[in-house]
């Protein structure tokens, strides 16, 4: 009869390979579930800010908005998106305008740290 026992060294090799395989598989599964698109806004967010729909923006676009600390409601009434030099007027029928340095829709009453006063 053939002795099919494995020695300690072979046992640890096989256990290590199994662990590495399990970690690799879980990483792969997690990566397959990701997406570059922003999650769809909730109904509550759209009721508060009609310009909250970030669908179609990349993660880097959203990161830019966050890094410039964009908010839909300005903390300073004298500094609003719609009186900023970087403001792009909304298209007919839309309440949301644009910005020359960031992508996406912007609320006219919003604000970010890049706000620049209009020149005369």
PDB file of N, CA and C in Angstrom:
ATOM      1  N   UNK A   1       0.826  -1.176   0.000  1.00  0.00           N
ATOM      2  CA  UNK A   1       0.000   0.000   0.000  1.00  0.00           C
ATOM      3  C   UNK A   1       0.876   1.247   0.000  1.00  0.00           C
ATOM      4  N   UNK A   2       0.471   2.241  -0.775  1.00  0.00           N
ATOM      5  CA  UNK A   2       1.243   3.461  -0.904  1.00  0.00           C
ATOM      6  C   UNK A   2       0.882   4.441   0.224  1.00  0.00           C
ATOM      7  N   UNK A   3       1.889   5.018   0.847  1.00  0.00           N
ATOM      8  CA  UNK A   3       1.683   5.987   1.916  1.00  0.00           C
ATOM      9  C   UNK A   3       1.481   7.369   1.287  1.00  0.00           C
ATOM     10  N   UNK A   4       0.252   7.940   1.422  1.00  0.00           N
ATOM     11  CA  UNK A   4      -0.056   9.221   0.795  1.00  0.00           C
ATOM     12  C   UNK A   4      -0.103  10.352   1.816  1.00  0.00           C
ATOM     13  N   UNK A   5       0.642  10.254   2.853  1.00  0.00           N
ATOM     14  CA  UNK A   5       0.669  11.340   3.829  1.00  0.00           C
ATOM     15  C   UNK A   5       1.538  12.477   3.283  1.00  0.00           C
ATOM     16  N   UNK A   6       1.235  13.692   3.715  1.00  0.00           N
ATOM     17  CA  UNK A   6       2.030  14.820   3.258  1.00  0.00           C
ATOM     18  C   UNK A   6       2.805  15.379   4.444  1.00  0.00           C
ATOM     19  N   UNK A   7       3.975  15.875   4.156  1.00  0.00           N
ATOM     20  CA  UNK A   7       4.777  16.391   5.263  1.00  0.00           C
ATOM     21  C   UNK A   7       4.335  17.817   5.599  1.00  0.00           C
ATOM     22  N   UNK A   8       4.845  18.302   6.683  1.00  0.00           N
ATOM     23  CA  UNK A   8       4.475  19.602   7.218  1.00  0.00           C
ATOM     24  C   UNK A   8       4.744  20.713   6.215  1.00  0.00           C
ATOM     25  N   UNK A   9       5.869  20.706   5.537  1.00  0.00           N
ATOM     26  CA  UNK A   9       6.243  21.737   4.568  1.00  0.00           C
ATOM     27  C   UNK A   9       5.234  21.794   3.422  1.00  0.00           C
ATOM     28  N   UNK A  10       4.852  20.658   2.861  1.00  0.00           N
ATOM     29  CA  UNK A  10       3.871  20.611   1.781  1.00  0.00           C
ATOM     30  C   UNK A  10       2.491  21.085   2.260  1.00  0.00           C
ATOM     31  N   UNK A  11       2.154  20.716   3.483  1.00  0.00           N
ATOM     32  CA  UNK A  11       0.873  21.134   4.044  1.00  0.00           C
ATOM     33  C   UNK A  11       0.787  22.657   4.089  1.00  0.00           C
ATOM     34  N   UNK A  12       1.819  23.330   4.598  1.00  0.00           N
ATOM     35  CA  UNK A  12       1.794  24.790   4.708  1.00  0.00           C
ATOM     36  C   UNK A  12       1.821  25.473   3.338  1.00  0.00           C
ATOM     37  N   UNK A  13       2.487  24.862   2.366  1.00  0.00           N
ATOM     38  CA  UNK A  13       2.470  25.401   1.006  1.00  0.00           C
ATOM     39  C   UNK A  13       1.046  25.409   0.453  1.00  0.00           C
ATOM     40  N   UNK A  14       0.365  24.279   0.633  1.00  0.00           N
ATOM     41  CA  UNK A  14      -0.984  24.159   0.103  1.00  0.00           C
ATOM     42  C   UNK A  14      -1.956  25.091   0.824  1.00  0.00           C
ATOM     43  N   UNK A  15      -1.824  25.209   2.112  1.00  0.00           N
ATOM     44  CA  UNK A  15      -2.687  26.114   2.873  1.00  0.00           C
ATOM     45  C   UNK A  15      -2.420  27.564   2.453  1.00  0.00           C
ATOM     46  N   UNK A  16      -1.171  27.946   2.256  1.00  0.00           N
ATOM     47  CA  UNK A  16      -0.824  29.303   1.823  1.00  0.00           C
ATOM     48  C   UNK A  16      -1.402  29.615   0.453  1.00  0.00           C
ATOM     49  N   UNK A  17      -1.275  28.675  -0.475  1.00  0.00           N
ATOM     50  CA  UNK A  17      -1.833  28.874  -1.814  1.00  0.00           C
ATOM     51  C   UNK A  17      -3.350  29.038  -1.764  1.00  0.00           C
ATOM     52  N   UNK A  18      -3.999  28.262  -0.906  1.00  0.00           N
ATOM     53  CA  UNK A  18      -5.444  28.379  -0.764  1.00  0.00           C
ATOM     54  C   UNK A  18      -5.808  29.773  -0.238  1.00  0.00           C
ATOM     55  N   UNK A  19      -5.085  30.261   0.753  1.00  0.00           N
ATOM     56  CA  UNK A  19      -5.355  31.591   1.319  1.00  0.00           C
ATOM     57  C   UNK A  19      -5.157  32.704   0.302  1.00  0.00           C
ATOM     58  N   UNK A  20      -4.061  32.601  -0.464  1.00  0.00           N
ATOM     59  CA  UNK A  20      -3.787  33.604  -1.493  1.00  0.00           C
ATOM     60  C   UNK A  20      -4.880  33.572  -2.560  1.00  0.00           C
ATOM     61  N   UNK A  21      -5.311  32.392  -2.936  1.00  0.00           N
ATOM     62  CA  UNK A  21      -6.383  32.253  -3.932  1.00  0.00           C
ATOM     63  C   UNK A  21      -7.684  32.868  -3.426  1.00  0.00           C
ATOM     64  N   UNK A  22      -8.003  32.640  -2.169  1.00  0.00           N
ATOM     65  CA  UNK A  22      -9.239  33.179  -1.600  1.00  0.00           C
ATOM     66  C   UNK A  22      -9.200  34.705  -1.577  1.00  0.00           C
ATOM     67  N   UNK A  23      -8.067  35.280  -1.206  1.00  0.00           N
ATOM     68  CA  UNK A  23      -7.927  36.740  -1.175  1.00  0.00           C
ATOM     69  C   UNK A  23      -8.030  37.302  -2.591  1.00  0.00           C
ATOM     70  N   UNK A  24      -7.366  36.668  -3.528  1.00  0.00           N
ATOM     71  CA  UNK A  24      -7.433  37.118  -4.922  1.00  0.00           C
ATOM     72  C   UNK A  24      -8.839  37.058  -5.474  1.00  0.00           C
ATOM     73  N   UNK A  25      -9.541  36.000  -5.178  1.00  0.00           N
ATOM     74  CA  UNK A  25     -10.915  35.856  -5.673  1.00  0.00           C
ATOM     75  C   UNK A  25     -11.831  36.913  -5.081  1.00  0.00           C
ATOM     76  N   UNK A  26     -11.697  37.183  -3.789  1.00  0.00           N
ATOM     77  CA  UNK A  26     -12.559  38.188  -3.178  1.00  0.00           C
ATOM     78  C   UNK A  26     -12.250  39.580  -3.720  1.00  0.00           C
ATOM     79  N   UNK A  27     -10.986  39.864  -3.982  1.00  0.00           N
ATOM     80  CA  UNK A  27     -10.610  41.148  -4.577  1.00  0.00           C
ATOM     81  C   UNK A  27     -11.198  41.285  -5.974  1.00  0.00           C
ATOM     82  N   UNK A  28     -11.123  40.237  -6.751  1.00  0.00           N
ATOM     83  CA  UNK A  28     -11.673  40.243  -8.103  1.00  0.00           C
ATOM     84  C   UNK A  28     -13.182  40.449  -8.076  1.00  0.00           C
ATOM     85  N   UNK A  29     -13.882  39.764  -7.202  1.00  0.00           N
ATOM     86  CA  UNK A  29     -15.330  39.914  -7.112  1.00  0.00           C
ATOM     87  C   UNK A  29     -15.713  41.329  -6.707  1.00  0.00           C
ATOM     88  N   UNK A  30     -14.972  41.902  -5.789  1.00  0.00           N
ATOM     89  CA  UNK A  30     -15.259  43.276  -5.350  1.00  0.00           C
ATOM     90  C   UNK A  30     -15.026  44.247  -6.495  1.00  0.00           C
ATOM     91  N   UNK A  31     -13.956  44.058  -7.248  1.00  0.00           N
ATOM     92  CA  UNK A  31     -13.642  44.946  -8.368  1.00  0.00           C
ATOM     93  C   UNK A  31     -14.690  44.842  -9.462  1.00  0.00           C
ATOM     94  N   UNK A  32     -15.226  43.686  -9.698  1.00  0.00           N
ATOM     95  CA  UNK A  32     -16.235  43.511 -10.752  1.00  0.00           C
ATOM     96  C   UNK A  32     -17.533  44.217 -10.414  1.00  0.00           C
ATOM     97  N   UNK A  33     -17.799  44.446  -9.153  1.00  0.00           N
ATOM     98  CA  UNK A  33     -19.049  45.091  -8.763  1.00  0.00           C
ATOM     99  C   UNK A  33     -18.974  46.593  -8.767  1.00  0.00           C
ATOM    100  N   UNK A  34     -17.790  47.201  -8.970  1.00  0.00           N
ATOM    101  CA  UNK A  34     -17.628  48.642  -8.906  1.00  0.00           C
ATOM    102  C   UNK A  34     -18.091  49.334 -10.167  1.00  0.00           C
ATOM    103  N   UNK A  35     -18.205  50.661 -10.088  1.00  0.00           N
ATOM    104  CA  UNK A  35     -18.634  51.459 -11.228  1.00  0.00           C
ATOM    105  C   UNK A  35     -18.064  52.857 -11.094  1.00  0.00           C
ATOM    106  N   UNK A  36     -17.784  53.512 -12.239  1.00  0.00           N
ATOM    107  CA  UNK A  36     -17.282  54.886 -12.213  1.00  0.00           C
ATOM    108  C   UNK A  36     -18.409  55.905 -12.139  1.00  0.00           C
ATOM    109  N   UNK A  37     -19.635  55.460 -12.346  1.00  0.00           N
ATOM    110  CA  UNK A  37     -20.739  56.402 -12.339  1.00  0.00           C
ATOM    111  C   UNK A  37     -21.186  56.667 -10.915  1.00  0.00           C
ATOM    112  N   UNK A  38     -21.673  57.873 -10.696  1.00  0.00           N
ATOM    113  CA  UNK A  38     -22.176  58.247  -9.388  1.00  0.00           C
ATOM    114  C   UNK A  38     -23.481  57.503  -9.125  1.00  0.00           C
ATOM    115  N   UNK A  39     -23.772  57.227  -7.857  1.00  0.00           N
ATOM    116  CA  UNK A  39     -25.039  56.592  -7.562  1.00  0.00           C
ATOM    117  C   UNK A  39     -26.197  57.543  -7.895  1.00  0.00           C
ATOM    118  N   UNK A  40     -27.335  56.990  -8.238  1.00  0.00           N
ATOM    119  CA  UNK A  40     -28.493  57.817  -8.552  1.00  0.00           C
ATOM    120  C   UNK A  40     -28.912  58.572  -7.297  1.00  0.00           C
ATOM    121  N   UNK A  41     -29.298  59.832  -7.447  1.00  0.00           N
ATOM    122  CA  UNK A  41     -29.702  60.606  -6.278  1.00  0.00           C
ATOM    123  C   UNK A  41     -31.006  60.079  -5.694  1.00  0.00           C
ATOM    124  N   UNK A  42     -31.199  60.327  -4.434  1.00  0.00           N
ATOM    125  CA  UNK A  42     -32.432  59.909  -3.789  1.00  0.00           C
ATOM    126  C   UNK A  42     -33.511  60.946  -4.072  1.00  0.00           C
ATOM    127  N   UNK A  43     -34.751  60.570  -3.872  1.00  0.00           N
ATOM    128  CA  UNK A  43     -35.859  61.498  -4.097  1.00  0.00           C
ATOM    129  C   UNK A  43     -35.713  62.702  -3.176  1.00  0.00           C
ATOM    130  N   UNK A  44     -35.301  62.466  -1.936  1.00  0.00           N
ATOM    131  CA  UNK A  44     -35.157  63.566  -0.989  1.00  0.00           C
ATOM    132  C   UNK A  44     -34.127  64.578  -1.467  1.00  0.00           C
ATOM    133  N   UNK A  45     -33.012  64.111  -2.029  1.00  0.00           N
ATOM    134  CA  UNK A  45     -31.966  65.010  -2.515  1.00  0.00           C
ATOM    135  C   UNK A  45     -32.479  65.869  -3.657  1.00  0.00           C
ATOM    136  N   UNK A  46     -33.281  65.293  -4.567  1.00  0.00           N
ATOM    137  CA  UNK A  46     -33.814  66.066  -5.686  1.00  0.00           C
ATOM    138  C   UNK A  46     -34.845  67.079  -5.221  1.00  0.00           C
ATOM    139  N   UNK A  47     -35.595  66.769  -4.152  1.00  0.00           N
ATOM    140  CA  UNK A  47     -36.573  67.722  -3.638  1.00  0.00           C
ATOM    141  C   UNK A  47     -35.872  68.927  -3.020  1.00  0.00           C
ATOM    142  N   UNK A  48     -34.758  68.715  -2.347  1.00  0.00           N
ATOM    143  CA  UNK A  48     -34.002  69.794  -1.736  1.00  0.00           C
ATOM    144  C   UNK A  48     -33.224  70.559  -2.792  1.00  0.00           C
ATOM    145  N   UNK A  49     -32.577  69.860  -3.692  1.00  0.00           N
ATOM    146  CA  UNK A  49     -31.744  70.462  -4.724  1.00  0.00           C
ATOM    147  C   UNK A  49     -32.082  69.847  -6.073  1.00  0.00           C
ATOM    148  N   UNK A  50     -32.762  70.585  -6.939  1.00  0.00           N
ATOM    149  CA  UNK A  50     -33.092  70.022  -8.250  1.00  0.00           C
ATOM    150  C   UNK A  50     -31.852  69.759  -9.106  1.00  0.00           C
ATOM    151  N   UNK A  51     -30.703  70.239  -8.667  1.00  0.00           N
ATOM    152  CA  UNK A  51     -29.459  70.061  -9.415  1.00  0.00           C
ATOM    153  C   UNK A  51     -28.579  68.973  -8.812  1.00  0.00           C
ATOM    154  N   UNK A  52     -29.166  68.073  -8.027  1.00  0.00           N
ATOM    155  CA  UNK A  52     -28.397  67.047  -7.322  1.00  0.00           C
ATOM    156  C   UNK A  52     -28.119  65.808  -8.159  1.00  0.00           C
ATOM    157  N   UNK A  53     -28.640  65.743  -9.379  1.00  0.00           N
ATOM    158  CA  UNK A  53     -28.456  64.564 -10.210  1.00  0.00           C
ATOM    159  C   UNK A  53     -27.036  64.542 -10.780  1.00  0.00           C
ATOM    160  N   UNK A  54     -26.189  63.670 -10.245  1.00  0.00           N
ATOM    161  CA  UNK A  54     -24.792  63.570 -10.668  1.00  0.00           C
ATOM    162  C   UNK A  54     -24.572  62.382 -11.597  1.00  0.00           C
ATOM    163  N   UNK A  55     -25.655  61.827 -12.126  1.00  0.00           N
ATOM    164  CA  UNK A  55     -25.553  60.706 -13.052  1.00  0.00           C
ATOM    165  C   UNK A  55     -24.716  61.127 -14.253  1.00  0.00           C
ATOM    166  N   UNK A  56     -23.799  60.287 -14.639  1.00  0.00           N
ATOM    167  CA  UNK A  56     -22.954  60.591 -15.794  1.00  0.00           C
ATOM    168  C   UNK A  56     -21.643  61.259 -15.434  1.00  0.00           C
ATOM    169  N   UNK A  57     -21.501  61.718 -14.199  1.00  0.00           N
ATOM    170  CA  UNK A  57     -20.225  62.312 -13.786  1.00  0.00           C
ATOM    171  C   UNK A  57     -19.277  61.198 -13.360  1.00  0.00           C
ATOM    172  N   UNK A  58     -18.009  61.375 -13.651  1.00  0.00           N
ATOM    173  CA  UNK A  58     -17.017  60.380 -13.240  1.00  0.00           C
ATOM    174  C   UNK A  58     -16.666  60.597 -11.768  1.00  0.00           C
ATOM    175  N   UNK A  59     -15.960  59.635 -11.220  1.00  0.00           N
ATOM    176  CA  UNK A  59     -15.516  59.769  -9.827  1.00  0.00           C
ATOM    177  C   UNK A  59     -14.608  60.984  -9.668  1.00  0.00           C
ATOM    178  N   UNK A  60     -13.793  61.271 -10.690  1.00  0.00           N
ATOM    179  CA  UNK A  60     -12.895  62.432 -10.599  1.00  0.00           C
ATOM    180  C   UNK A  60     -13.686  63.736 -10.654  1.00  0.00           C
ATOM    181  N   UNK A  61     -14.794  63.780 -11.433  1.00  0.00           N
ATOM    182  CA  UNK A  61     -15.648  64.970 -11.455  1.00  0.00           C
ATOM    183  C   UNK A  61     -16.256  65.212 -10.073  1.00  0.00           C
ATOM    184  N   UNK A  62     -16.732  64.149  -9.466  1.00  0.00           N
ATOM    185  CA  UNK A  62     -17.335  64.261  -8.137  1.00  0.00           C
ATOM    186  C   UNK A  62     -16.278  64.641  -7.110  1.00  0.00           C
ATOM    187  N   UNK A  63     -15.085  64.076  -7.230  1.00  0.00           N
ATOM    188  CA  UNK A  63     -13.990  64.418  -6.311  1.00  0.00           C
ATOM    189  C   UNK A  63     -13.622  65.902  -6.432  1.00  0.00           C
ATOM    190  N   UNK A  64     -13.658  66.434  -7.657  1.00  0.00           N
ATOM    191  CA  UNK A  64     -13.362  67.852  -7.866  1.00  0.00           C
ATOM    192  C   UNK A  64     -14.401  68.715  -7.156  1.00  0.00           C
ATOM    193  N   UNK A  65     -15.673  68.365  -7.294  1.00  0.00           N
ATOM    194  CA  UNK A  65     -16.738  69.110  -6.614  1.00  0.00           C
ATOM    195  C   UNK A  65     -16.523  69.085  -5.102  1.00  0.00           C
ATOM    196  N   UNK A  66     -16.145  67.910  -4.588  1.00  0.00           N
ATOM    197  CA  UNK A  66     -15.907  67.781  -3.148  1.00  0.00           C
ATOM    198  C   UNK A  66     -14.677  68.563  -2.709  1.00  0.00           C
ATOM    199  N   UNK A  67     -13.617  68.518  -3.504  1.00  0.00           N
ATOM    200  CA  UNK A  67     -12.390  69.229  -3.115  1.00  0.00           C
ATOM    201  C   UNK A  67     -12.584  70.746  -3.129  1.00  0.00           C
ATOM    202  N   UNK A  68     -13.482  71.217  -3.995  1.00  0.00           N
ATOM    203  CA  UNK A  68     -13.783  72.659  -4.029  1.00  0.00           C
ATOM    204  C   UNK A  68     -14.939  73.010  -3.096  1.00  0.00           C
ATOM    205  N   UNK A  69     -15.383  72.029  -2.320  1.00  0.00           N
ATOM    206  CA  UNK A  69     -16.372  72.178  -1.257  1.00  0.00           C
ATOM    207  C   UNK A  69     -17.696  72.766  -1.752  1.00  0.00           C
ATOM    208  N   UNK A  70     -18.123  72.338  -2.959  1.00  0.00           N
ATOM    209  CA  UNK A  70     -19.399  72.809  -3.492  1.00  0.00           C
ATOM    210  C   UNK A  70     -20.547  72.386  -2.596  1.00  0.00           C
ATOM    211  N   UNK A  71     -21.436  73.344  -2.312  1.00  0.00           N
ATOM    212  CA  UNK A  71     -22.680  73.081  -1.591  1.00  0.00           C
ATOM    213  C   UNK A  71     -23.814  73.732  -2.375  1.00  0.00           C
ATOM    214  N   UNK A  72     -24.997  73.146  -2.307  1.00  0.00           N
ATOM    215  CA  UNK A  72     -26.146  73.636  -3.063  1.00  0.00           C
ATOM    216  C   UNK A  72     -26.765  74.891  -2.453  1.00  0.00           C
ATOM    217  N   UNK A  73     -26.447  75.161  -1.182  1.00  0.00           N
ATOM    218  CA  UNK A  73     -26.977  76.347  -0.510  1.00  0.00           C
ATOM    219  C   UNK A  73     -25.813  77.112   0.106  1.00  0.00           C
ATOM    220  N   UNK A  74     -25.596  78.323  -0.383  1.00  0.00           N
ATOM    221  CA  UNK A  74     -24.453  79.114   0.069  1.00  0.00           C
ATOM    222  C   UNK A  74     -24.532  79.478   1.546  1.00  0.00           C
ATOM    223  N   UNK A  75     -23.416  79.471   2.234  1.00  0.00           N
ATOM    224  CA  UNK A  75     -23.396  79.934   3.618  1.00  0.00           C
ATOM    225  C   UNK A  75     -23.345  81.469   3.690  1.00  0.00           C
ATOM    226  N   UNK A  76     -23.041  82.113   2.554  1.00  0.00           N
ATOM    227  CA  UNK A  76     -22.922  83.574   2.504  1.00  0.00           C
ATOM    228  C   UNK A  76     -23.809  84.099   1.373  1.00  0.00           C
ATOM    229  N   UNK A  77     -24.904  84.778   1.682  1.00  0.00           N
ATOM    230  CA  UNK A  77     -25.838  85.231   0.644  1.00  0.00           C
ATOM    231  C   UNK A  77     -25.216  86.141  -0.422  1.00  0.00           C
ATOM    232  N   UNK A  78     -24.109  86.780  -0.128  1.00  0.00           N
ATOM    233  CA  UNK A  78     -23.453  87.631  -1.130  1.00  0.00           C
ATOM    234  C   UNK A  78     -22.607  86.827  -2.114  1.00  0.00           C
ATOM    235  N   UNK A  79     -22.303  85.593  -1.785  1.00  0.00           N
ATOM    236  CA  UNK A  79     -21.490  84.744  -2.649  1.00  0.00           C
ATOM    237  C   UNK A  79     -22.322  83.548  -3.091  1.00  0.00           C
ATOM    238  N   UNK A  80     -22.851  83.657  -4.291  1.00  0.00           N
ATOM    239  CA  UNK A  80     -23.707  82.607  -4.859  1.00  0.00           C
ATOM    240  C   UNK A  80     -23.159  82.208  -6.213  1.00  0.00           C
ATOM    241  N   UNK A  81     -23.483  80.987  -6.643  1.00  0.00           N
ATOM    242  CA  UNK A  81     -23.045  80.532  -7.968  1.00  0.00           C
ATOM    243  C   UNK A  81     -23.493  81.509  -9.060  1.00  0.00           C
ATOM    244  N   UNK A  82     -24.746  81.980  -8.977  1.00  0.00           N
ATOM    245  CA  UNK A  82     -25.264  82.819 -10.051  1.00  0.00           C
ATOM    246  C   UNK A  82     -24.711  84.254 -10.061  1.00  0.00           C
ATOM    247  N   UNK A  83     -23.879  84.612  -9.089  1.00  0.00           N
ATOM    248  CA  UNK A  83     -23.183  85.899  -9.175  1.00  0.00           C
ATOM    249  C   UNK A  83     -21.663  85.704  -9.143  1.00  0.00           C
ATOM    250  N   UNK A  84     -21.249  84.503  -9.564  1.00  0.00           N
ATOM    251  CA  UNK A  84     -19.826  84.163  -9.660  1.00  0.00           C
ATOM    252  C   UNK A  84     -19.373  84.351 -11.104  1.00  0.00           C
ATOM    253  N   UNK A  85     -18.147  84.782 -11.284  1.00  0.00           N
ATOM    254  CA  UNK A  85     -17.577  84.981 -12.606  1.00  0.00           C
ATOM    255  C   UNK A  85     -17.479  83.673 -13.407  1.00  0.00           C
ATOM    256  N   UNK A  86     -17.463  82.530 -12.727  1.00  0.00           N
ATOM    257  CA  UNK A  86     -17.316  81.233 -13.381  1.00  0.00           C
ATOM    258  C   UNK A  86     -18.658  80.589 -13.750  1.00  0.00           C
ATOM    259  N   UNK A  87     -19.767  81.243 -13.420  1.00  0.00           N
ATOM    260  CA  UNK A  87     -21.116  80.713 -13.633  1.00  0.00           C
ATOM    261  C   UNK A  87     -21.451  80.637 -15.124  1.00  0.00           C
ATOM    262  N   UNK A  88     -22.083  79.542 -15.512  1.00  0.00           N
ATOM    263  CA  UNK A  88     -22.617  79.379 -16.866  1.00  0.00           C
ATOM    264  C   UNK A  88     -24.131  79.339 -16.737  1.00  0.00           C
ATOM    265  N   UNK A  89     -24.807  80.247 -17.425  1.00  0.00           N
ATOM    266  CA  UNK A  89     -26.268  80.350 -17.346  1.00  0.00           C
ATOM    267  C   UNK A  89     -26.928  79.025 -17.727  1.00  0.00           C
ATOM    268  N   UNK A  90     -28.043  78.697 -17.064  1.00  0.00           N
ATOM    269  CA  UNK A  90     -28.748  77.455 -17.396  1.00  0.00           C
ATOM    270  C   UNK A  90     -29.367  77.514 -18.792  1.00  0.00           C
ATOM    271  N   UNK A  91     -29.521  76.335 -19.372  1.00  0.00           N
ATOM    272  CA  UNK A  91     -30.223  76.246 -20.652  1.00  0.00           C
ATOM    273  C   UNK A  91     -31.708  76.493 -20.396  1.00  0.00           C
ATOM    274  N   UNK A  92     -32.417  76.914 -21.424  1.00  0.00           N
ATOM    275  CA  UNK A  92     -33.843  77.230 -21.297  1.00  0.00           C
ATOM    276  C   UNK A  92     -34.606  76.094 -20.629  1.00  0.00           C
ATOM    277  N   UNK A  93     -35.379  76.427 -19.619  1.00  0.00           N
ATOM    278  CA  UNK A  93     -36.202  75.438 -18.931  1.00  0.00           C
ATOM    279  C   UNK A  93     -35.522  74.697 -17.809  1.00  0.00           C
ATOM    280  N   UNK A  94     -34.229  74.875 -17.638  1.00  0.00           N
ATOM    281  CA  UNK A  94     -33.503  74.176 -16.573  1.00  0.00           C
ATOM    282  C   UNK A  94     -33.216  75.134 -15.423  1.00  0.00           C
ATOM    283  N   UNK A  95     -33.400  74.681 -14.195  1.00  0.00           N
ATOM    284  CA  UNK A  95     -33.050  75.535 -13.055  1.00  0.00           C
ATOM    285  C   UNK A  95     -31.552  75.502 -12.746  1.00  0.00           C
ATOM    286  N   UNK A  96     -30.824  74.581 -13.373  1.00  0.00           N
ATOM    287  CA  UNK A  96     -29.422  74.350 -13.033  1.00  0.00           C
ATOM    288  C   UNK A  96     -28.487  74.949 -14.070  1.00  0.00           C
ATOM    289  N   UNK A  97     -27.485  75.655 -13.575  1.00  0.00           N
ATOM    290  CA  UNK A  97     -26.474  76.203 -14.453  1.00  0.00           C
ATOM    291  C   UNK A  97     -25.237  75.332 -14.456  1.00  0.00           C
ATOM    292  N   UNK A  98     -24.160  75.885 -14.962  1.00  0.00           N
ATOM    293  CA  UNK A  98     -22.904  75.158 -15.028  1.00  0.00           C
ATOM    294  C   UNK A  98     -21.779  75.981 -14.436  1.00  0.00           C
ATOM    295  N   UNK A  99     -20.590  75.439 -14.518  1.00  0.00           N
ATOM    296  CA  UNK A  99     -19.402  76.090 -13.989  1.00  0.00           C
ATOM    297  C   UNK A  99     -18.269  75.907 -14.990  1.00  0.00           C
ATOM    298  N   UNK A 100     -17.427  76.903 -15.100  1.00  0.00           N
ATOM    299  CA  UNK A 100     -16.318  76.840 -16.050  1.00  0.00           C
ATOM    300  C   UNK A 100     -15.183  75.935 -15.590  1.00  0.00           C
ATOM    301  N   UNK A 101     -15.129  75.606 -14.291  1.00  0.00           N
ATOM    302  CA  UNK A 101     -14.010  74.794 -13.797  1.00  0.00           C
ATOM    303  C   UNK A 101     -14.414  73.419 -13.283  1.00  0.00           C
ATOM    304  N   UNK A 102     -15.723  73.166 -13.162  1.00  0.00           N
ATOM    305  CA  UNK A 102     -16.211  71.872 -12.672  1.00  0.00           C
ATOM    306  C   UNK A 102     -17.310  71.366 -13.582  1.00  0.00           C
ATOM    307  N   UNK A 103     -17.464  70.053 -13.634  1.00  0.00           N
ATOM    308  CA  UNK A 103     -18.521  69.428 -14.425  1.00  0.00           C
ATOM    309  C   UNK A 103     -19.769  69.219 -13.586  1.00  0.00           C
ATOM    310  N   UNK A 104     -20.905  69.172 -14.259  1.00  0.00           N
ATOM    311  CA  UNK A 104     -22.155  68.835 -13.607  1.00  0.00           C
ATOM    312  C   UNK A 104     -23.097  70.002 -13.470  1.00  0.00           C
ATOM    313  N   UNK A 105     -24.292  69.728 -12.976  1.00  0.00           N
ATOM    314  CA  UNK A 105     -25.275  70.783 -12.748  1.00  0.00           C
ATOM    315  C   UNK A 105     -25.000  71.499 -11.423  1.00  0.00           C
ATOM    316  N   UNK A 106     -25.281  72.801 -11.414  1.00  0.00           N
ATOM    317  CA  UNK A 106     -25.049  73.597 -10.209  1.00  0.00           C
ATOM    318  C   UNK A 106     -26.268  74.445  -9.900  1.00  0.00           C
ATOM    319  N   UNK A 107     -26.610  74.497  -8.627  1.00  0.00           N
ATOM    320  CA  UNK A 107     -27.739  75.287  -8.161  1.00  0.00           C
ATOM    321  C   UNK A 107     -27.331  76.761  -8.169  1.00  0.00           C
ATOM    322  N   UNK A 108     -28.206  77.655  -8.648  1.00  0.00           N
ATOM    323  CA  UNK A 108     -27.860  79.082  -8.680  1.00  0.00           C
ATOM    324  C   UNK A 108     -27.521  79.640  -7.299  1.00  0.00           C
ATOM    325  N   UNK A 109     -28.123  79.079  -6.264  1.00  0.00           N
ATOM    326  CA  UNK A 109     -27.857  79.530  -4.904  1.00  0.00           C
ATOM    327  C   UNK A 109     -26.740  78.764  -4.229  1.00  0.00           C
ATOM    328  N   UNK A 110     -25.979  77.999  -4.998  1.00  0.00           N
ATOM    329  CA  UNK A 110     -24.878  77.218  -4.439  1.00  0.00           C
ATOM    330  C   UNK A 110     -23.628  78.054  -4.227  1.00  0.00           C
ATOM    331  N   UNK A 111     -22.557  77.377  -3.809  1.00  0.00           N
ATOM    332  CA  UNK A 111     -21.296  78.068  -3.509  1.00  0.00           C
ATOM    333  C   UNK A 111     -20.165  77.057  -3.481  1.00  0.00           C
ATOM    334  N   UNK A 112     -18.953  77.509  -3.774  1.00  0.00           N
ATOM    335  CA  UNK A 112     -17.745  76.703  -3.576  1.00  0.00           C
ATOM    336  C   UNK A 112     -16.596  77.645  -3.228  1.00  0.00           C
ATOM    337  N   UNK A 113     -15.470  77.083  -2.850  1.00  0.00           N
ATOM    338  CA  UNK A 113     -14.331  77.905  -2.434  1.00  0.00           C
ATOM    339  C   UNK A 113     -13.666  78.635  -3.596  1.00  0.00           C
ATOM    340  N   UNK A 114     -14.057  78.311  -4.840  1.00  0.00           N
ATOM    341  CA  UNK A 114     -13.490  79.008  -6.007  1.00  0.00           C
ATOM    342  C   UNK A 114     -14.354  80.190  -6.442  1.00  0.00           C
ATOM    343  N   UNK A 115     -15.318  80.575  -5.637  1.00  0.00           N
ATOM    344  CA  UNK A 115     -16.201  81.692  -5.992  1.00  0.00           C
ATOM    345  C   UNK A 115     -15.377  82.945  -6.283  1.00  0.00           C
ATOM    346  N   UNK A 116     -15.701  83.587  -7.409  1.00  0.00           N
ATOM    347  CA  UNK A 116     -15.005  84.802  -7.848  1.00  0.00           C
ATOM    348  C   UNK A 116     -16.061  85.865  -8.114  1.00  0.00           C
ATOM    349  N   UNK A 117     -15.923  87.062  -7.525  1.00  0.00           N
ATOM    350  CA  UNK A 117     -16.954  88.092  -7.748  1.00  0.00           C
ATOM    351  C   UNK A 117     -16.986  88.530  -9.218  1.00  0.00           C
ATOM    352  N   UNK A 118     -18.171  88.914  -9.668  1.00  0.00           N
ATOM    353  CA  UNK A 118     -18.344  89.444 -11.025  1.00  0.00           C
ATOM    354  C   UNK A 118     -17.581  90.752 -11.137  1.00  0.00           C
ATOM    355  N   UNK A 119     -17.021  90.986 -12.310  1.00  0.00           N
ATOM    356  CA  UNK A 119     -16.344  92.253 -12.549  1.00  0.00           C
ATOM    357  C   UNK A 119     -17.292  93.198 -13.267  1.00  0.00           C
ATOM    358  N   UNK A 120     -17.095  94.449 -13.052  1.00  0.00           N
ATOM    359  CA  UNK A 120     -17.979  95.455 -13.666  1.00  0.00           C
ATOM    360  C   UNK A 120     -17.607  95.751 -15.075  1.00  0.00           C
TER     361      UNK A 120
END
